Amino acid sequence: MFKRIFTDTFQRTELESLEFQQQHPGKASRKVLVIGFQAAFSLSCIYYFASPQFTAEFFKAIGLNGLASSLLDAVGGGPHARLFRLMHWVVVLNLFYFIIPAIVIKTVFRERLSDYGLRIKGAFKDYWLYIIMLLVMLPLVWYFSGTKSFQARYPFYSLMPGEGLTTDFWWWELLYFSQFFTLEFFFRGYMTLGLRHRFGYYSVFVMMIPYCMIHFGKPMPETIGAILAGIVLGTVSLKSRSVLLGVLIHYSVAITMDLFALWRKGFFGE
């Protein structure tokens, strides 16, 4: 299994990288410059615009005072404020993880989005990887869902004691999928597949560094685990040339963590 997932993928990707650079000298390096600058820009903007207050100030600075006020009103209070705060975060992620990179791919590189992981063909050929990874992760998720640091962090849509699972909570769990779709596209598609012609298999390790860093502030086991997850999911993306299996794996683990954490807190009864 290790040979099929890692060794074969490593050898194939390294060979393709060498052939591409011989046939298109300089093209792969130019792509590294564009992706490097754009990825740093997206990650920086996400860090700041994830705050509704910062976004509102930005809107005011460019003369969109009405939009700034509407945003602050939506997230500042009312029965749906928690959902709106998370919706704002997801919109920011969709913009900088997906929309802007997609524009770069189509207008600067003049390539297809399917070349960056948005393809269905062959995406689930290795479905057994999903089953194996889920079986490995479920006991770990169950264990960590009971720890203080994970209980304080998950689910992102925090429920008050005795509140129950509201409609807004389930809306958030649906939106949560969008977050993982854009994240997988950015890291395993745009960065990993986009850089493979220059760095070969080692594009996985280039991607893995910022992917680990976006977990800073989360519980330490999750941040350390992101190193291994980045390598595995990056390899899966190189193997299948699709990010869709990674989306499914990532989302399954995340929603399981939410439900296990709620179970541990007693939301499903004793």
Protein backbone atom coordinates (compact mmCIF):
# COMPACT_ATOMS: atom_id res chain seq x y z
CA MET A 1 0.00 0.00 0.00
CA PHE A 2 2.84 2.39 0.86
CA LYS A 3 4.43 1.72 -2.54
CA ARG A 4 1.16 2.30 -4.37
CA ILE A 5 0.39 5.56 -2.56
CA PHE A 6 3.79 7.13 -1.98
CA THR A 7 6.60 5.44 -3.93
CA ASP A 8 4.77 5.17 -7.26
CA THR A 9 3.38 8.70 -6.90
CA PHE A 10 6.83 10.05 -6.05
CA GLN A 11 8.49 8.42 -9.06
CA ARG A 12 5.76 9.42 -11.52
CA THR A 13 5.64 13.02 -10.32
CA GLU A 14 9.42 13.42 -10.37
CA LEU A 15 9.59 12.07 -13.93
CA GLU A 16 6.78 14.35 -15.11
CA SER A 17 8.50 17.36 -13.52
CA LEU A 18 11.78 16.60 -15.27
CA GLU A 19 10.10 16.11 -18.65
CA PHE A 20 8.05 19.31 -18.28
CA GLN A 21 11.10 21.44 -17.47
CA GLN A 22 12.98 20.00 -20.43
CA GLN A 23 10.10 20.68 -22.80
CA HIS A 24 9.12 24.09 -21.34
CA PRO A 25 12.27 25.72 -19.92
CA GLY A 26 11.46 28.58 -17.55
CA LYS A 27 7.66 28.11 -17.57
CA ALA A 28 7.56 26.13 -14.33
CA SER A 29 9.73 28.73 -12.56
CA ARG A 30 7.50 31.61 -13.71
CA LYS A 31 4.50 29.75 -12.33
CA VAL A 32 6.27 29.41 -8.97
CA LEU A 33 6.65 33.20 -8.79
CA VAL A 34 2.97 33.82 -9.50
CA ILE A 35 1.66 31.13 -7.16
CA GLY A 36 4.12 32.11 -4.42
CA PHE A 37 3.15 35.78 -4.44
CA GLN A 38 -0.56 35.10 -4.84
CA ALA A 39 -0.66 32.44 -2.11
CA ALA A 40 1.10 34.76 0.33
CA PHE A 41 -1.38 37.52 -0.59
CA SER A 42 -4.40 35.24 -0.05
CA LEU A 43 -3.16 33.93 3.29
CA SER A 44 -2.42 37.47 4.51
CA CYS A 45 -5.85 38.75 3.47
CA ILE A 46 -7.62 35.82 5.12
CA TYR A 47 -5.83 36.53 8.39
CA TYR A 48 -7.14 40.10 8.49
CA PHE A 49 -10.48 39.96 6.67
CA ALA A 50 -11.61 37.00 8.77
CA SER A 51 -12.43 39.67 11.34
CA PRO A 52 -15.81 41.27 10.52
CA GLN A 53 -14.62 44.45 12.25
CA PHE A 54 -11.59 44.69 9.95
CA THR A 55 -13.77 44.02 6.90
CA ALA A 56 -16.20 46.73 8.00
CA GLU A 57 -13.37 49.23 8.41
CA PHE A 58 -12.14 48.32 4.93
CA PHE A 59 -15.62 48.87 3.50
CA LYS A 60 -15.75 52.30 5.19
CA ALA A 61 -12.33 53.19 3.82
CA ILE A 62 -13.52 52.62 0.24
CA GLY A 63 -16.81 54.42 0.78
CA LEU A 64 -19.13 51.43 1.33
CA ASN A 65 -20.53 52.70 4.61
CA GLY A 66 -23.91 51.04 4.19
CA LEU A 67 -22.36 47.65 3.60
CA ALA A 68 -20.10 48.12 6.61
CA SER A 69 -23.06 48.94 8.84
CA SER A 70 -25.06 45.96 7.55
CA LEU A 71 -22.16 43.63 8.25
CA LEU A 72 -21.68 44.90 11.79
CA ASP A 73 -25.41 44.71 12.47
CA ALA A 74 -25.56 41.11 11.22
CA VAL A 75 -22.69 39.83 13.35
CA GLY A 76 -23.22 42.10 16.33
CA GLY A 77 -26.40 40.64 17.75
CA GLY A 78 -29.68 38.90 17.07
CA PRO A 79 -30.60 35.23 16.97
CA HIS A 80 -28.47 34.50 13.88
CA ALA A 81 -25.33 36.46 14.81
CA ARG A 82 -23.25 33.32 15.41
CA LEU A 83 -24.16 31.93 12.01
CA PHE A 84 -23.52 35.26 10.26
CA ARG A 85 -20.05 35.52 11.81
CA LEU A 86 -19.19 32.09 10.47
CA MET A 87 -20.79 32.90 7.11
CA HIS A 88 -18.56 35.95 6.85
CA TRP A 89 -15.52 33.77 7.50
CA VAL A 90 -16.57 31.26 4.83
CA VAL A 91 -17.14 34.03 2.26
CA VAL A 92 -13.62 35.34 2.93
CA LEU A 93 -12.19 31.84 2.49
CA ASN A 94 -14.12 31.29 -0.74
CA LEU A 95 -12.80 34.57 -2.12
CA PHE A 96 -9.12 34.10 -1.30
CA TYR A 97 -8.81 30.31 -1.37
CA PHE A 98 -10.88 29.72 -4.49
CA ILE A 99 -12.16 32.67 -6.53
CA ILE A 100 -8.92 34.67 -6.84
CA PRO A 101 -6.71 31.59 -7.48
CA ALA A 102 -9.25 30.39 -10.07
CA ILE A 103 -9.05 33.78 -11.82
CA VAL A 104 -5.24 33.49 -11.86
CA ILE A 105 -5.45 30.00 -13.36
CA LYS A 106 -7.87 31.07 -16.10
CA THR A 107 -6.44 34.50 -16.98
CA VAL A 108 -2.73 34.35 -16.14
CA PHE A 109 -1.88 30.68 -16.72
CA ARG A 110 -4.72 30.17 -19.24
CA GLU A 111 -5.22 26.65 -17.96
CA ARG A 112 -8.17 24.53 -16.90
CA LEU A 113 -9.37 24.27 -13.32
CA SER A 114 -9.45 20.50 -13.82
CA ASP A 115 -5.64 20.63 -14.05
CA TYR A 116 -5.67 21.94 -10.48
CA GLY A 117 -7.71 19.21 -8.90
CA LEU A 118 -11.29 20.01 -9.90
CA ARG A 119 -11.94 16.81 -11.75
CA ILE A 120 -14.36 13.98 -11.08
CA LYS A 121 -12.75 11.41 -13.38
CA GLY A 122 -10.56 9.16 -11.28
CA ALA A 123 -11.23 11.19 -8.13
CA PHE A 124 -12.68 8.27 -6.17
CA LYS A 125 -10.72 5.44 -7.77
CA ASP A 126 -8.86 5.02 -4.50
CA TYR A 127 -11.98 5.16 -2.35
CA TRP A 128 -10.43 2.51 -0.10
CA LEU A 129 -8.03 5.21 1.11
CA TYR A 130 -11.04 7.10 2.44
CA ILE A 131 -12.22 4.05 4.36
CA ILE A 132 -8.78 3.30 5.79
CA MET A 133 -8.10 6.91 6.84
CA LEU A 134 -11.53 7.21 8.43
CA LEU A 135 -11.02 4.00 10.39
CA VAL A 136 -7.65 5.28 11.59
CA MET A 137 -8.96 8.74 12.48
CA LEU A 138 -12.21 7.85 14.24
CA PRO A 139 -10.60 6.53 17.46
CA LEU A 140 -8.27 9.55 17.56
CA VAL A 141 -11.15 11.97 17.00
CA TRP A 142 -13.15 10.26 19.74
CA TYR A 143 -10.25 10.54 22.18
CA PHE A 144 -9.34 14.15 21.47
CA SER A 145 -12.99 15.28 21.36
CA GLY A 146 -13.06 14.73 25.11
CA THR A 147 -10.00 16.88 25.88
CA LYS A 148 -10.37 20.39 27.25
CA SER A 149 -8.62 22.14 24.34
CA PHE A 150 -10.78 20.45 21.67
CA GLN A 151 -13.95 20.90 23.72
CA ALA A 152 -13.24 24.64 23.83
CA ARG A 153 -12.66 24.79 20.06
CA TYR A 154 -15.33 22.56 18.53
CA PRO A 155 -17.82 22.90 17.07
CA PHE A 156 -17.11 26.35 15.61
CA TYR A 157 -20.83 27.06 15.94
CA SER A 158 -20.88 27.10 19.72
CA LEU A 159 -24.07 25.90 21.36
CA MET A 160 -25.24 27.13 24.71
CA PRO A 161 -26.07 24.53 27.41
CA GLY A 162 -29.60 23.27 26.87
CA GLU A 163 -29.93 24.98 23.50
CA GLY A 164 -30.26 21.89 21.32
CA LEU A 165 -29.24 21.44 17.69
CA THR A 166 -30.84 24.42 15.96
CA THR A 167 -31.48 24.99 12.28
CA ASP A 168 -28.60 27.48 12.26
CA PHE A 169 -26.28 24.77 13.54
CA TRP A 170 -27.13 22.46 10.64
CA TRP A 171 -26.84 25.33 8.17
CA TRP A 172 -23.34 25.86 9.51
CA GLU A 173 -22.43 22.21 9.05
CA LEU A 174 -23.43 22.55 5.39
CA LEU A 175 -21.38 25.73 5.01
CA TYR A 176 -18.51 23.93 6.70
CA PHE A 177 -18.27 21.71 3.62
CA SER A 178 -17.68 24.78 1.45
CA GLN A 179 -14.78 25.74 3.70
CA PHE A 180 -13.08 22.39 3.17
CA PHE A 181 -13.71 22.46 -0.55
CA THR A 182 -11.97 25.81 -0.96
CA LEU A 183 -9.17 24.85 1.44
CA GLU A 184 -8.40 21.61 -0.39
CA PHE A 185 -8.49 23.40 -3.74
CA PHE A 186 -6.03 26.03 -2.51
CA PHE A 187 -3.49 23.79 -0.79
CA ARG A 188 -3.78 20.45 -2.59
CA GLY A 189 -4.84 21.81 -5.97
CA TYR A 190 -3.54 25.32 -6.60
CA MET A 191 -0.32 24.95 -4.62
CA THR A 192 0.53 21.23 -4.85
CA LEU A 193 -0.57 20.54 -8.42
CA GLY A 194 0.42 24.03 -9.52
CA LEU A 195 3.98 23.67 -8.26
CA ARG A 196 4.58 20.05 -9.22
CA HIS A 197 6.19 20.88 -12.56
CA ARG A 198 8.96 22.79 -10.79
CA PHE A 199 9.34 20.90 -7.52
CA GLY A 200 7.99 17.49 -8.46
CA TYR A 201 6.78 15.47 -5.49
CA TYR A 202 8.41 18.00 -3.17
CA SER A 203 5.60 20.45 -3.95
CA VAL A 204 3.82 18.55 -1.16
CA PHE A 205 6.36 19.80 1.37
CA VAL A 206 6.26 23.36 0.02
CA MET A 207 2.47 23.32 0.53
CA MET A 208 2.68 21.57 3.89
CA ILE A 209 4.47 24.48 5.61
CA PRO A 210 1.76 27.16 5.22
CA TYR A 211 -0.91 24.47 5.69
CA CYS A 212 0.55 23.65 9.10
CA MET A 213 0.83 27.35 9.96
CA ILE A 214 -2.87 28.07 9.37
CA HIS A 215 -3.51 25.72 12.29
CA PHE A 216 -1.59 27.93 14.72
CA GLY A 217 -3.95 28.84 17.56
CA LYS A 218 -5.71 25.49 17.41
CA PRO A 219 -4.95 22.66 19.87
CA MET A 220 -1.33 21.51 19.52
CA PRO A 221 -2.17 17.88 18.56
CA GLU A 222 -4.23 19.20 15.63
CA THR A 223 -1.43 21.49 14.47
CA ILE A 224 1.14 18.70 14.62
CA GLY A 225 -1.33 16.36 12.94
CA ALA A 226 -1.70 18.87 10.11
CA ILE A 227 1.90 18.12 9.09
CA LEU A 228 1.12 14.46 8.47
CA ALA A 229 -2.32 15.23 7.02
CA GLY A 230 -0.79 17.74 4.61
CA ILE A 231 1.68 15.15 3.33
CA VAL A 232 -0.93 12.39 2.97
CA LEU A 233 -3.61 14.57 1.35
CA GLY A 234 -1.03 16.21 -0.90
CA THR A 235 0.14 12.79 -2.06
CA VAL A 236 -3.46 11.69 -2.67
CA SER A 237 -3.94 14.80 -4.81
CA LEU A 238 -0.80 14.09 -6.86
CA LYS A 239 -1.85 10.46 -7.28
CA SER A 240 -5.41 11.12 -8.46
CA ARG A 241 -4.92 14.67 -9.86
CA SER A 242 -8.09 15.52 -7.96
CA VAL A 243 -8.80 17.18 -4.61
CA LEU A 244 -12.28 15.73 -4.22
CA LEU A 245 -11.32 12.66 -2.20
CA GLY A 246 -9.33 14.96 0.10
CA VAL A 247 -12.41 17.14 0.54
CA LEU A 248 -14.46 14.10 1.52
CA ILE A 249 -11.82 12.85 3.97
CA HIS A 250 -11.31 16.27 5.56
CA TYR A 251 -15.00 17.05 5.91
CA SER A 252 -15.84 13.61 7.32
CA VAL A 253 -13.23 13.98 10.05
CA ALA A 254 -14.32 17.54 10.84
CA ILE A 255 -18.04 16.89 11.16
CA THR A 256 -17.29 13.76 13.21
CA MET A 257 -15.21 15.90 15.57
CA ASP A 258 -18.14 18.33 15.94
CA LEU A 259 -20.63 15.57 16.71
CA PHE A 260 -18.29 13.71 19.07
CA ALA A 261 -17.49 16.96 20.92
CA LEU A 262 -21.21 17.66 21.34
CA TRP A 263 -21.76 14.10 22.51
CA ARG A 264 -19.04 14.54 25.14
CA LYS A 265 -20.70 17.77 26.27
CA GLY A 266 -24.00 15.96 26.76
CA PHE A 267 -26.01 17.44 23.89
CA PHE A 268 -27.25 14.00 22.87
CA GLY A 269 -28.22 12.97 26.37
CA GLU A 270 -26.38 10.99 29.00
